[in-house]
C-alpha atoms as a PDB file:
ATOM      1  CA  UNK A   1       0.000   0.000   0.000  1.00  0.00           C
ATOM      2  CA  UNK A   2       1.399   3.394  -1.039  1.00  0.00           C
ATOM      3  CA  UNK A   3       2.189   5.784   1.793  1.00  0.00           C
ATOM      4  CA  UNK A   4       0.357   9.120   1.426  1.00  0.00           C
ATOM      5  CA  UNK A   5       2.394  12.174   2.444  1.00  0.00           C
ATOM      6  CA  UNK A   6       0.975  15.640   3.126  1.00  0.00           C
ATOM      7  CA  UNK A   7       3.691  18.159   2.267  1.00  0.00           C
ATOM      8  CA  UNK A   8       2.948  21.350   4.215  1.00  0.00           C
ATOM      9  CA  UNK A   9       4.833  24.422   2.968  1.00  0.00           C
ATOM     10  CA  UNK A  10       4.683  28.195   2.563  1.00  0.00           C
ATOM     11  CA  UNK A  11       3.639  29.907   5.773  1.00  0.00           C
ATOM     12  CA  UNK A  12       3.426  33.445   7.059  1.00  0.00           C
ATOM     13  CA  UNK A  13       7.115  34.031   7.759  1.00  0.00           C
ATOM     14  CA  UNK A  14       9.620  36.036   5.661  1.00  0.00           C
ATOM     15  CA  UNK A  15      10.946  32.658   4.455  1.00  0.00           C
ATOM     16  CA  UNK A  16       7.690  31.934   2.621  1.00  0.00           C
ATOM     17  CA  UNK A  17       9.186  31.921  -0.883  1.00  0.00           C
ATOM     18  CA  UNK A  18      12.150  29.763   0.169  1.00  0.00           C
ATOM     19  CA  UNK A  19       9.704  27.201   1.507  1.00  0.00           C
ATOM     20  CA  UNK A  20       7.887  27.046  -1.831  1.00  0.00           C
ATOM     21  CA  UNK A  21      11.145  26.310  -3.670  1.00  0.00           C
ATOM     22  CA  UNK A  22      12.085  23.652  -1.106  1.00  0.00           C
ATOM     23  CA  UNK A  23       8.639  22.059  -1.370  1.00  0.00           C
ATOM     24  CA  UNK A  24       8.827  21.696  -5.154  1.00  0.00           C
ATOM     25  CA  UNK A  25      12.126  19.848  -4.802  1.00  0.00           C
ATOM     26  CA  UNK A  26      10.901  17.615  -1.965  1.00  0.00           C
ATOM     27  CA  UNK A  27       7.631  16.769  -3.754  1.00  0.00           C
ATOM     28  CA  UNK A  28       9.540  15.608  -6.829  1.00  0.00           C
ATOM     29  CA  UNK A  29      11.942  13.480  -4.771  1.00  0.00           C
ATOM     30  CA  UNK A  30       9.149  11.915  -2.700  1.00  0.00           C
ATOM     31  CA  UNK A  31       7.295  10.916  -5.848  1.00  0.00           C
ATOM     32  CA  UNK A  32      10.433   9.454  -7.375  1.00  0.00           C
ATOM     33  CA  UNK A  33      10.776   7.419  -4.181  1.00  0.00           C
ATOM     34  CA  UNK A  34       7.284   6.017  -4.759  1.00  0.00           C
ATOM     35  CA  UNK A  35       5.174   8.058  -2.338  1.00  0.00           C
ATOM     36  CA  UNK A  36       1.762   9.584  -2.987  1.00  0.00           C
ATOM     37  CA  UNK A  37       2.175  13.319  -2.287  1.00  0.00           C
ATOM     38  CA  UNK A  38      -0.452  15.992  -1.652  1.00  0.00           C
ATOM     39  CA  UNK A  39       0.947  19.533  -1.403  1.00  0.00           C
ATOM     40  CA  UNK A  40      -0.730  21.650   1.284  1.00  0.00           C
ATOM     41  CA  UNK A  41       0.309  25.289   0.935  1.00  0.00           C
ATOM     42  CA  UNK A  42      -0.166  28.024   3.544  1.00  0.00           C
ATOM     43  CA  UNK A  43      -0.304  31.496   2.022  1.00  0.00           C
ATOM     44  CA  UNK A  44       1.154  34.685   3.495  1.00  0.00           C
ATOM     45  CA  UNK A  45      -2.067  35.521   5.361  1.00  0.00           C
ATOM     46  CA  UNK A  46      -2.601  32.033   6.748  1.00  0.00           C
ATOM     47  CA  UNK A  47      -4.984  30.601   4.171  1.00  0.00           C
ATOM     48  CA  UNK A  48      -4.616  26.890   3.382  1.00  0.00           C
ATOM     49  CA  UNK A  49      -4.612  25.405  -0.142  1.00  0.00           C
ATOM     50  CA  UNK A  50      -4.533  21.715  -1.107  1.00  0.00           C
ATOM     51  CA  UNK A  51      -3.310  20.038  -4.276  1.00  0.00           C
ATOM     52  CA  UNK A  52      -0.889  20.814  -7.103  1.00  0.00           C
ATOM     53  CA  UNK A  53      -2.553  24.193  -7.697  1.00  0.00           C
ATOM     54  CA  UNK A  54      -1.379  25.295  -4.251  1.00  0.00           C
ATOM     55  CA  UNK A  55       2.092  26.052  -5.655  1.00  0.00           C
ATOM     56  CA  UNK A  56       0.582  28.484  -8.137  1.00  0.00           C
ATOM     57  CA  UNK A  57      -1.903  29.897  -5.634  1.00  0.00           C
ATOM     58  CA  UNK A  58       0.814  30.746  -3.130  1.00  0.00           C
ATOM     59  CA  UNK A  59       3.100  32.277  -5.741  1.00  0.00           C
ATOM     60  CA  UNK A  60       0.288  34.521  -6.984  1.00  0.00           C
ATOM     61  CA  UNK A  61      -0.637  35.696  -3.484  1.00  0.00           C
ATOM     62  CA  UNK A  62       2.770  36.979  -2.405  1.00  0.00           C
ATOM     63  CA  UNK A  63       2.621  40.753  -1.700  1.00  0.00           C
ATOM     64  CA  UNK A  64      -1.123  40.836  -2.411  1.00  0.00           C
ATOM     65  CA  UNK A  65      -4.036  41.756  -0.168  1.00  0.00           C
ATOM     66  CA  UNK A  66      -6.757  39.125  -0.245  1.00  0.00           C
ATOM     67  CA  UNK A  67      -9.427  37.496   1.893  1.00  0.00           C
ATOM     68  CA  UNK A  68      -8.561  34.197   3.569  1.00  0.00           C
ATOM     69  CA  UNK A  69     -10.911  31.365   2.639  1.00  0.00           C
ATOM     70  CA  UNK A  70     -11.500  29.678   5.996  1.00  0.00           C
ATOM     71  CA  UNK A  71     -13.438  26.831   4.359  1.00  0.00           C
ATOM     72  CA  UNK A  72     -10.260  25.701   2.553  1.00  0.00           C
ATOM     73  CA  UNK A  73      -8.349  25.675   5.824  1.00  0.00           C
ATOM     74  CA  UNK A  74     -11.124  23.698   7.487  1.00  0.00           C
ATOM     75  CA  UNK A  75     -11.153  21.178   4.610  1.00  0.00           C
ATOM     76  CA  UNK A  76      -7.390  20.617   4.879  1.00  0.00           C
ATOM     77  CA  UNK A  77      -7.558  20.181   8.654  1.00  0.00           C
ATOM     78  CA  UNK A  78     -10.501  17.791   8.293  1.00  0.00           C
ATOM     79  CA  UNK A  79      -8.417  15.621   5.978  1.00  0.00           C
ATOM     80  CA  UNK A  80      -5.602  15.588   8.534  1.00  0.00           C
ATOM     81  CA  UNK A  81      -7.880  14.716  11.441  1.00  0.00           C
ATOM     82  CA  UNK A  82      -9.742  12.007   9.503  1.00  0.00           C
ATOM     83  CA  UNK A  83      -6.577  10.152   8.539  1.00  0.00           C
ATOM     84  CA  UNK A  84      -6.391  11.050   4.859  1.00  0.00           C
ATOM     85  CA  UNK A  85      -2.604  11.184   5.159  1.00  0.00           C
ATOM     86  CA  UNK A  86      -0.173   8.657   6.580  1.00  0.00           C
ATOM     87  CA  UNK A  87       2.650  11.137   7.203  1.00  0.00           C
ATOM     88  CA  UNK A  88       3.033  14.915   7.348  1.00  0.00           C
ATOM     89  CA  UNK A  89       6.236  16.469   5.997  1.00  0.00           C
ATOM     90  CA  UNK A  90       6.435  19.975   7.571  1.00  0.00           C
ATOM     91  CA  UNK A  91       8.466  22.188   5.280  1.00  0.00           C
ATOM     92  CA  UNK A  92       7.383  25.605   6.523  1.00  0.00           C
ATOM     93  CA  UNK A  93      10.532  27.583   7.225  1.00  0.00           C
ATOM     94  CA  UNK A  94      10.369  30.071  10.075  1.00  0.00           C
ATOM     95  CA  UNK A  95       7.468  30.896  12.395  1.00  0.00           C
ATOM     96  CA  UNK A  96       4.694  28.219  12.728  1.00  0.00           C
ATOM     97  CA  UNK A  97       6.901  25.706  10.906  1.00  0.00           C
ATOM     98  CA  UNK A  98      10.241  25.585  12.660  1.00  0.00           C
ATOM     99  CA  UNK A  99       8.948  26.724  16.044  1.00  0.00           C
ATOM    100  CA  UNK A 100       7.007  23.524  16.766  1.00  0.00           C
ATOM    101  CA  UNK A 101       3.498  24.718  15.883  1.00  0.00           C
ATOM    102  CA  UNK A 102       2.796  22.305  13.013  1.00  0.00           C
ATOM    103  CA  UNK A 103       4.553  19.510  14.881  1.00  0.00           C
ATOM    104  CA  UNK A 104       2.297  20.140  17.889  1.00  0.00           C
ATOM    105  CA  UNK A 105      -0.758  19.931  15.642  1.00  0.00           C
ATOM    106  CA  UNK A 106       0.446  16.556  14.349  1.00  0.00           C
ATOM    107  CA  UNK A 107       0.997  15.321  17.904  1.00  0.00           C
ATOM    108  CA  UNK A 108      -2.531  16.415  18.836  1.00  0.00           C
ATOM    109  CA  UNK A 109      -4.076  14.602  15.876  1.00  0.00           C
ATOM    110  CA  UNK A 110      -1.816  11.553  16.217  1.00  0.00           C
ATOM    111  CA  UNK A 111      -0.271  11.886  12.750  1.00  0.00           C
ATOM    112  CA  UNK A 112       3.334  10.748  12.147  1.00  0.00           C
ATOM    113  CA  UNK A 113       5.496  13.624  10.902  1.00  0.00           C
ATOM    114  CA  UNK A 114       9.004  14.201   9.620  1.00  0.00           C
ATOM    115  CA  UNK A 115      11.597  15.891  11.829  1.00  0.00           C
ATOM    116  CA  UNK A 116      11.931  16.955  15.436  1.00  0.00           C
ATOM    117  CA  UNK A 117       9.106  17.152  17.969  1.00  0.00           C
ATOM    118  CA  UNK A 118       7.699  20.453  19.367  1.00  0.00           C
ATOM    119  CA  UNK A 119      10.362  20.607  22.097  1.00  0.00           C
ATOM    120  CA  UNK A 120      13.205  20.164  19.636  1.00  0.00           C
ATOM    121  CA  UNK A 121      11.764  22.627  17.141  1.00  0.00           C
ATOM    122  CA  UNK A 122      11.137  25.354  19.703  1.00  0.00           C
ATOM    123  CA  UNK A 123      14.591  25.042  21.277  1.00  0.00           C
ATOM    124  CA  UNK A 124      16.570  24.982  18.046  1.00  0.00           C
ATOM    125  CA  UNK A 125      14.529  27.657  16.285  1.00  0.00           C
ATOM    126  CA  UNK A 126      15.261  30.102  19.106  1.00  0.00           C
ATOM    127  CA  UNK A 127      18.943  31.031  18.802  1.00  0.00           C
ATOM    128  CA  UNK A 128      19.118  32.403  22.332  1.00  0.00           C
ATOM    129  CA  UNK A 129      17.726  29.190  23.825  1.00  0.00           C
ATOM    130  CA  UNK A 130      20.190  27.175  21.748  1.00  0.00           C
ATOM    131  CA  UNK A 131      23.038  29.358  22.990  1.00  0.00           C
ATOM    132  CA  UNK A 132      22.050  28.805  26.625  1.00  0.00           C
ATOM    133  CA  UNK A 133      21.888  25.028  26.181  1.00  0.00           C
ATOM    134  CA  UNK A 134      25.250  24.905  24.417  1.00  0.00           C
ATOM    135  CA  UNK A 135      26.790  27.028  27.159  1.00  0.00           C
ATOM    136  CA  UNK A 136      25.449  24.673  29.833  1.00  0.00           C
ATOM    137  CA  UNK A 137      26.976  21.727  27.958  1.00  0.00           C
ATOM    138  CA  UNK A 138      30.318  23.478  27.691  1.00  0.00           C
ATOM    139  CA  UNK A 139      30.334  23.320  23.892  1.00  0.00           C
ATOM    140  CA  UNK A 140      32.529  25.996  22.281  1.00  0.00           C
ATOM    141  CA  UNK A 141      30.454  28.755  20.702  1.00  0.00           C
ATOM    142  CA  UNK A 142      30.940  32.426  19.801  1.00  0.00           C
ATOM    143  CA  UNK A 143      30.675  34.868  22.714  1.00  0.00           C
ATOM    144  CA  UNK A 144      27.346  36.674  22.682  1.00  0.00           C
ATOM    145  CA  UNK A 145      25.212  39.295  24.391  1.00  0.00           C
ATOM    146  CA  UNK A 146      21.395  38.971  24.510  1.00  0.00           C
ATOM    147  CA  UNK A 147      19.462  42.188  23.883  1.00  0.00           C
ATOM    148  CA  UNK A 148      15.721  42.662  24.479  1.00  0.00           C
ATOM    149  CA  UNK A 149      13.496  45.124  22.654  1.00  0.00           C
ATOM    150  CA  UNK A 150      12.083  46.831  25.763  1.00  0.00           C
ATOM    151  CA  UNK A 151      15.609  47.330  27.124  1.00  0.00           C
ATOM    152  CA  UNK A 152      16.754  48.741  23.799  1.00  0.00           C
ATOM    153  CA  UNK A 153      13.796  51.122  23.570  1.00  0.00           C
ATOM    154  CA  UNK A 154      14.378  52.250  27.152  1.00  0.00           C
ATOM    155  CA  UNK A 155      18.079  52.982  26.739  1.00  0.00           C
ATOM    156  CA  UNK A 156      19.707  52.534  23.349  1.00  0.00           C
ATOM    157  CA  UNK A 157      23.080  54.002  24.218  1.00  0.00           C
ATOM    158  CA  UNK A 158      23.268  52.010  27.436  1.00  0.00           C
ATOM    159  CA  UNK A 159      22.717  48.823  25.397  1.00  0.00           C
ATOM    160  CA  UNK A 160      25.456  49.828  22.960  1.00  0.00           C
ATOM    161  CA  UNK A 161      27.815  50.423  25.886  1.00  0.00           C
ATOM    162  CA  UNK A 162      27.022  46.981  27.317  1.00  0.00           C
ATOM    163  CA  UNK A 163      27.699  45.256  23.999  1.00  0.00           C
ATOM    164  CA  UNK A 164      30.960  47.134  23.440  1.00  0.00           C
ATOM    165  CA  UNK A 165      32.114  46.270  26.961  1.00  0.00           C
ATOM    166  CA  UNK A 166      31.709  42.540  26.223  1.00  0.00           C
ATOM    167  CA  UNK A 167      32.528  42.177  22.519  1.00  0.00           C
ATOM    168  CA  UNK A 168      34.706  43.828  19.915  1.00  0.00           C
ATOM    169  CA  UNK A 169      33.880  44.778  16.342  1.00  0.00           C
ATOM    170  CA  UNK A 170      32.916  43.324  13.972  1.00  0.00           C
ATOM    171  CA  UNK A 171      29.873  41.590  15.481  1.00  0.00           C
ATOM    172  CA  UNK A 172      26.850  39.787  14.061  1.00  0.00           C
ATOM    173  CA  UNK A 173      23.393  40.963  15.084  1.00  0.00           C
ATOM    174  CA  UNK A 174      20.706  38.286  14.750  1.00  0.00           C
ATOM    175  CA  UNK A 175      16.999  38.065  15.551  1.00  0.00           C
ATOM    176  CA  UNK A 176      16.621  35.142  17.920  1.00  0.00           C
ATOM    177  CA  UNK A 177      13.940  33.505  15.779  1.00  0.00           C
ATOM    178  CA  UNK A 178      14.485  33.721  12.024  1.00  0.00           C
ATOM    179  CA  UNK A 179      16.212  31.584   9.444  1.00  0.00           C
ATOM    180  CA  UNK A 180      17.799  31.967   5.997  1.00  0.00           C
ATOM    181  CA  UNK A 181      19.914  34.839   7.408  1.00  0.00           C
ATOM    182  CA  UNK A 182      16.853  37.111   7.414  1.00  0.00           C
ATOM    183  CA  UNK A 183      17.341  40.170   9.632  1.00  0.00           C
ATOM    184  CA  UNK A 184      21.030  39.380  10.221  1.00  0.00           C
ATOM    185  CA  UNK A 185      23.628  42.137   9.865  1.00  0.00           C
ATOM    186  CA  UNK A 186      27.362  42.333  10.365  1.00  0.00           C
ATOM    187  CA  UNK A 187      28.237  45.525  12.254  1.00  0.00           C
ATOM    188  CA  UNK A 188      31.691  47.096  12.167  1.00  0.00           C
ATOM    189  CA  UNK A 189      31.052  50.209  14.253  1.00  0.00           C
ATOM    190  CA  UNK A 190      28.771  51.757  16.860  1.00  0.00           C
ATOM    191  CA  UNK A 191      26.579  53.383  14.223  1.00  0.00           C
ATOM    192  CA  UNK A 192      26.258  50.129  12.296  1.00  0.00           C
ATOM    193  CA  UNK A 193      25.431  48.298  15.517  1.00  0.00           C
ATOM    194  CA  UNK A 194      22.582  50.722  16.210  1.00  0.00           C
ATOM    195  CA  UNK A 195      21.155  50.227  12.703  1.00  0.00           C
ATOM    196  CA  UNK A 196      21.613  46.457  12.902  1.00  0.00           C
ATOM    197  CA  UNK A 197      19.691  46.252  16.187  1.00  0.00           C
ATOM    198  CA  UNK A 198      16.857  48.333  14.735  1.00  0.00           C
ATOM    199  CA  UNK A 199      16.700  45.933  11.772  1.00  0.00           C
ATOM    200  CA  UNK A 200      16.784  42.800  13.927  1.00  0.00           C
ATOM    201  CA  UNK A 201      14.005  44.058  16.206  1.00  0.00           C
ATOM    202  CA  UNK A 202      11.703  44.228  13.189  1.00  0.00           C
ATOM    203  CA  UNK A 203      11.711  40.404  13.262  1.00  0.00           C
ATOM    204  CA  UNK A 204      11.862  39.507  16.948  1.00  0.00           C
ATOM    205  CA  UNK A 205      11.778  41.070  20.416  1.00  0.00           C
ATOM    206  CA  UNK A 206      14.884  39.086  21.429  1.00  0.00           C
ATOM    207  CA  UNK A 207      18.165  39.606  19.620  1.00  0.00           C
ATOM    208  CA  UNK A 208      21.655  38.170  19.885  1.00  0.00           C
ATOM    209  CA  UNK A 209      24.796  40.221  19.322  1.00  0.00           C
ATOM    210  CA  UNK A 210      27.512  37.708  18.583  1.00  0.00           C
ATOM    211  CA  UNK A 211      31.276  37.943  18.358  1.00  0.00           C
ATOM    212  CA  UNK A 212      32.493  37.390  14.817  1.00  0.00           C
ATOM    213  CA  UNK A 213      34.716  34.343  14.438  1.00  0.00           C
ATOM    214  CA  UNK A 214      37.157  34.793  11.559  1.00  0.00           C
ATOM    215  CA  UNK A 215      37.449  31.435   9.913  1.00  0.00           C
ATOM    216  CA  UNK A 216      35.755  28.839   7.768  1.00  0.00           C
ATOM    217  CA  UNK A 217      31.988  28.229   7.587  1.00  0.00           C
ATOM    218  CA  UNK A 218      31.464  24.485   7.938  1.00  0.00           C
ATOM    219  CA  UNK A 219      28.191  22.540   7.912  1.00  0.00           C
ATOM    220  CA  UNK A 220      27.302  18.900   8.568  1.00  0.00           C
ATOM    221  CA  UNK A 221      24.046  17.069   7.898  1.00  0.00           C
ATOM    222  CA  UNK A 222      22.565  14.699  10.487  1.00  0.00           C
ATOM    223  CA  UNK A 223      19.987  12.003   9.803  1.00  0.00           C
ATOM    224  CA  UNK A 224      18.455   9.455  12.143  1.00  0.00           C
ATOM    225  CA  UNK A 225      17.346   8.792  15.716  1.00  0.00           C
ATOM    226  CA  UNK A 226      19.314   8.996  18.976  1.00  0.00           C
ATOM    227  CA  UNK A 227      22.607   8.156  17.234  1.00  0.00           C
ATOM    228  CA  UNK A 228      22.369   9.932  13.874  1.00  0.00           C
ATOM    229  CA  UNK A 229      24.305   9.451  10.686  1.00  0.00           C
ATOM    230  CA  UNK A 230      26.677  12.406  10.273  1.00  0.00           C
ATOM    231  CA  UNK A 231      27.725  13.514   6.807  1.00  0.00           C
ATOM    232  CA  UNK A 232      31.156  14.597   5.736  1.00  0.00           C
ATOM    233  CA  UNK A 233      31.579  18.344   6.314  1.00  0.00           C
ATOM    234  CA  UNK A 234      30.936  20.931   3.642  1.00  0.00           C
ATOM    235  CA  UNK A 235      32.554  24.367   3.495  1.00  0.00           C
ATOM    236  CA  UNK A 236      30.746  27.507   2.335  1.00  0.00           C
ATOM    237  CA  UNK A 237      32.906  30.170   0.713  1.00  0.00           C
ATOM    238  CA  UNK A 238      30.631  33.203   0.207  1.00  0.00           C
ATOM    239  CA  UNK A 239      31.353  36.119  -2.104  1.00  0.00           C
ATOM    240  CA  UNK A 240      30.089  38.605   0.504  1.00  0.00           C
ATOM    241  CA  UNK A 241      31.275  39.018   4.084  1.00  0.00           C
ATOM    242  CA  UNK A 242      28.922  36.271   5.185  1.00  0.00           C
ATOM    243  CA  UNK A 243      26.467  33.752   3.725  1.00  0.00           C
ATOM    244  CA  UNK A 244      23.415  36.021   3.534  1.00  0.00           C
ATOM    245  CA  UNK A 245      19.941  35.536   2.037  1.00  0.00           C
ATOM    246  CA  UNK A 246      20.925  36.689  -1.471  1.00  0.00           C
ATOM    247  CA  UNK A 247      23.849  34.290  -1.639  1.00  0.00           C
ATOM    248  CA  UNK A 248      21.703  31.425  -0.370  1.00  0.00           C
ATOM    249  CA  UNK A 249      18.785  31.854  -2.744  1.00  0.00           C
ATOM    250  CA  UNK A 250      19.272  34.629  -5.313  1.00  0.00           C
ATOM    251  CA  UNK A 251      22.862  34.751  -6.541  1.00  0.00           C
ATOM    252  CA  UNK A 252      24.951  31.879  -7.807  1.00  0.00           C
ATOM    253  CA  UNK A 253      28.326  33.186  -6.642  1.00  0.00           C
ATOM    254  CA  UNK A 254      28.975  31.131  -3.495  1.00  0.00           C
ATOM    255  CA  UNK A 255      31.609  28.415  -3.712  1.00  0.00           C
ATOM    256  CA  UNK A 256      31.188  25.082  -1.936  1.00  0.00           C
ATOM    257  CA  UNK A 257      33.823  22.541  -1.016  1.00  0.00           C
ATOM    258  CA  UNK A 258      32.214  19.145  -0.418  1.00  0.00           C
ATOM    259  CA  UNK A 259      33.738  17.374   1.355  1.00  0.00           C
ATOM    260  CA  UNK A 260      35.725  20.081   3.121  1.00  0.00           C
ATOM    261  CA  UNK A 261      39.405  19.443   3.782  1.00  0.00           C
ATOM    262  CA  UNK A 262      39.875  19.122   7.543  1.00  0.00           C
ATOM    263  CA  UNK A 263      42.206  17.455  10.011  1.00  0.00           C
ATOM    264  CA  UNK A 264      41.280  14.211  11.761  1.00  0.00           C
ATOM    265  CA  UNK A 265      41.082  16.101  15.071  1.00  0.00           C
ATOM    266  CA  UNK A 266      38.695  18.687  13.609  1.00  0.00           C
ATOM    267  CA  UNK A 267      36.494  15.975  12.108  1.00  0.00           C
ATOM    268  CA  UNK A 268      36.284  14.250  15.476  1.00  0.00           C
ATOM    269  CA  UNK A 269      35.331  17.524  17.169  1.00  0.00           C
ATOM    270  CA  UNK A 270      32.618  18.227  14.582  1.00  0.00           C
ATOM    271  CA  UNK A 271      31.103  14.781  15.100  1.00  0.00           C
ATOM    272  CA  UNK A 272      31.295  14.995  18.904  1.00  0.00           C
ATOM    273  CA  UNK A 273      29.829  18.494  19.139  1.00  0.00           C
ATOM    274  CA  UNK A 274      27.088  17.811  16.572  1.00  0.00           C
ATOM    275  CA  UNK A 275      25.997  14.583  18.274  1.00  0.00           C
ATOM    276  CA  UNK A 276      26.011  16.204  21.733  1.00  0.00           C
ATOM    277  CA  UNK A 277      23.896  19.118  20.498  1.00  0.00           C
ATOM    278  CA  UNK A 278      21.536  16.766  18.619  1.00  0.00           C
ATOM    279  CA  UNK A 279      20.828  14.725  21.738  1.00  0.00           C
ATOM    280  CA  UNK A 280      20.603  17.685  24.124  1.00  0.00           C
ATOM    281  CA  UNK A 281      17.948  19.401  22.008  1.00  0.00           C
ATOM    282  CA  UNK A 282      16.024  16.156  21.330  1.00  0.00           C
ATOM    283  CA  UNK A 283      16.597  16.240  17.561  1.00  0.00           C
ATOM    284  CA  UNK A 284      15.073  13.529  15.411  1.00  0.00           C
ATOM    285  CA  UNK A 285      14.979  12.796  11.718  1.00  0.00           C
ATOM    286  CA  UNK A 286      16.991  15.650  10.277  1.00  0.00           C
ATOM    287  CA  UNK A 287      19.108  18.633  11.203  1.00  0.00           C
ATOM    288  CA  UNK A 288      21.942  20.679   9.775  1.00  0.00           C
ATOM    289  CA  UNK A 289      24.534  21.840  12.287  1.00  0.00           C
ATOM    290  CA  UNK A 290      26.633  24.901  11.416  1.00  0.00           C
ATOM    291  CA  UNK A 291      30.136  25.603  12.693  1.00  0.00           C
ATOM    292  CA  UNK A 292      32.859  28.213  12.468  1.00  0.00           C
ATOM    293  CA  UNK A 293      36.378  26.799  12.350  1.00  0.00           C
ATOM    294  CA  UNK A 294      39.296  29.122  13.086  1.00  0.00           C
ATOM    295  CA  UNK A 295      42.885  28.860  14.234  1.00  0.00           C
ATOM    296  CA  UNK A 296      41.611  28.963  17.828  1.00  0.00           C
ATOM    297  CA  UNK A 297      39.271  25.999  17.432  1.00  0.00           C
ATOM    298  CA  UNK A 298      35.864  24.682  16.359  1.00  0.00           C
ATOM    299  CA  UNK A 299      32.774  26.673  17.387  1.00  0.00           C
ATOM    300  CA  UNK A 300      29.207  25.399  17.121  1.00  0.00           C
ATOM    301  CA  UNK A 301      27.038  28.147  15.694  1.00  0.00           C
ATOM    302  CA  UNK A 302      23.479  26.947  14.960  1.00  0.00           C
ATOM    303  CA  UNK A 303      21.211  23.901  14.700  1.00  0.00           C
ATOM    304  CA  UNK A 304      18.717  24.032  11.823  1.00  0.00           C
ATOM    305  CA  UNK A 305      15.938  21.447  12.190  1.00  0.00           C
ATOM    306  CA  UNK A 306      14.062  22.345   8.980  1.00  0.00           C
ATOM    307  CA  UNK A 307      16.982  22.819   6.596  1.00  0.00           C
ATOM    308  CA  UNK A 308      16.600  24.129   3.085  1.00  0.00           C
ATOM    309  CA  UNK A 309      15.747  21.609   0.381  1.00  0.00           C
ATOM    310  CA  UNK A 310      16.410  23.606  -2.776  1.00  0.00           C
ATOM    311  CA  UNK A 311      18.570  22.287  -5.620  1.00  0.00           C
ATOM    312  CA  UNK A 312      21.655  23.925  -4.084  1.00  0.00           C
ATOM    313  CA  UNK A 313      20.866  23.444  -0.383  1.00  0.00           C
ATOM    314  CA  UNK A 314      23.637  21.965   1.706  1.00  0.00           C
ATOM    315  CA  UNK A 315      21.592  19.399   3.644  1.00  0.00           C
ATOM    316  CA  UNK A 316      20.641  17.107   0.738  1.00  0.00           C
ATOM    317  CA  UNK A 317      23.919  17.911  -1.003  1.00  0.00           C
ATOM    318  CA  UNK A 318      26.042  16.719   1.927  1.00  0.00           C
ATOM    319  CA  UNK A 319      24.121  13.466   2.245  1.00  0.00           C
ATOM    320  CA  UNK A 320      24.222  12.917  -1.507  1.00  0.00           C
ATOM    321  CA  UNK A 321      28.010  13.236  -1.334  1.00  0.00           C
ATOM    322  CA  UNK A 322      27.942  10.317   1.101  1.00  0.00           C
ATOM    323  CA  UNK A 323      26.015   8.172  -1.370  1.00  0.00           C
ATOM    324  CA  UNK A 324      22.419   8.876  -0.260  1.00  0.00           C
ATOM    325  CA  UNK A 325      20.375  10.080  -3.227  1.00  0.00           C
ATOM    326  CA  UNK A 326      17.552  12.599  -2.609  1.00  0.00           C
ATOM    327  CA  UNK A 327      14.803   9.952  -3.135  1.00  0.00           C
ATOM    328  CA  UNK A 328      16.617   7.637  -0.712  1.00  0.00           C
ATOM    329  CA  UNK A 329      16.867  10.508   1.776  1.00  0.00           C
ATOM    330  CA  UNK A 330      13.114  11.121   1.505  1.00  0.00           C
ATOM    331  CA  UNK A 331      12.413   7.449   2.101  1.00  0.00           C
ATOM    332  CA  UNK A 332      14.576   7.428   5.192  1.00  0.00           C
ATOM    333  CA  UNK A 333      12.877  10.529   6.609  1.00  0.00           C
ATOM    334  CA  UNK A 334       9.391   9.100   6.033  1.00  0.00           C
ATOM    335  CA  UNK A 335      10.418   5.739   7.543  1.00  0.00           C
ATOM    336  CA  UNK A 336      11.757   7.523  10.637  1.00  0.00           C
ATOM    337  CA  UNK A 337       8.478   9.448  10.973  1.00  0.00           C
ATOM    338  CA  UNK A 338       6.380   6.277  10.760  1.00  0.00           C
ATOM    339  CA  UNK A 339       8.635   4.437  13.204  1.00  0.00           C
ATOM    340  CA  UNK A 340       8.397   7.193  15.793  1.00  0.00           C
ATOM    341  CA  UNK A 341       4.631   7.343  15.308  1.00  0.00           C
ATOM    342  CA  UNK A 342       4.361   3.684  16.315  1.00  0.00           C
ATOM    343  CA  UNK A 343       6.401   4.264  19.472  1.00  0.00           C
ATOM    344  CA  UNK A 344       4.464   7.393  20.466  1.00  0.00           C
ATOM    345  CA  UNK A 345       1.151   5.543  20.260  1.00  0.00           C
ATOM    346  CA  UNK A 346       2.536   2.639  22.285  1.00  0.00           C
ATOM    347  CA  UNK A 347       3.986   4.804  25.044  1.00  0.00           C
ATOM    348  CA  UNK A 348       0.894   6.985  25.388  1.00  0.00           C
ATOM    349  CA  UNK A 349      -1.795   4.292  25.369  1.00  0.00           C
ATOM    350  CA  UNK A 350      -3.865   4.048  28.528  1.00  0.00           C
ATOM    351  CA  UNK A 351      -3.238   0.302  28.832  1.00  0.00           C
ATOM    352  CA  UNK A 352       0.524   0.912  28.971  1.00  0.00           C
ATOM    353  CA  UNK A 353       0.095   3.464  31.772  1.00  0.00           C
ATOM    354  CA  UNK A 354      -1.548   0.777  33.897  1.00  0.00           C
ATOM    355  CA  UNK A 355       1.165  -1.746  33.036  1.00  0.00           C
ATOM    356  CA  UNK A 356       4.029   0.519  34.060  1.00  0.00           C
END
């Protein structure tokens, strides 16, 4: 019997268009792997659309004002609740997708889904929470200063003084909860820091100012359960000062070295740090872990639990380098989702509570 996958994409975040591109790629690979796929697109105002036309509907609705058809949303949710799909593949980048919202819905309805659970998604999507966990574990990471919107509004120059007392220029300024480098700025001076904070606060009320690590941008792909498969590392060599949104999705100027040339010691550190972070944040299924590697050591930067799946995205590319084709990757992700679904139902059944 063919497994029926609901591919949920789009969403209301600034990463809406990236999600559409990822979803087209994933849908094609799932079908090549033999799965029955129904695209379920969420437009920029929160309307739901089902079927192949959803790709066109979402593309047409970007930057447009329109009324949300609540009956379409209700129809999609009814299908989910009534078991029309065997597995949900959440591919909404950003808010409501990477923050655990869709995953929580799947848990509530008892539907197997690809990727981390609500706890994992919420922790890893929030950069500040990730930083705190990594610090507790003693994993090397860039020095950082958290900044909150109300504090910034109440005393901008005091905040600048606090940052400058802890870090030195250049620094990265990042909204705590965005992806695809949206809202991120590299600041080289006090004036640039002020502008960068103003930009970041447009996307979140919590912001991280992070010490720049001069070195190599290295990423690894993880796939599996408690002990994941770890890909060979890939190095990103951007044209600009850092790997920003344009270089990820608009330009074609970034160079990639896959696999990256690294020492045995560095490879061991990457694997150890990535596995430790994976387990501490309860990752499952898939994640991409990003590092900075400099002369002073290896620093864990971010954990991305809904990585990009475009033609040039590093996650599928790294695993393909290791011999796992995109259709094989999709099969593994769906199998992991179904397997976890069986365990969740067993552990939460009332009869098992009485037996324990």
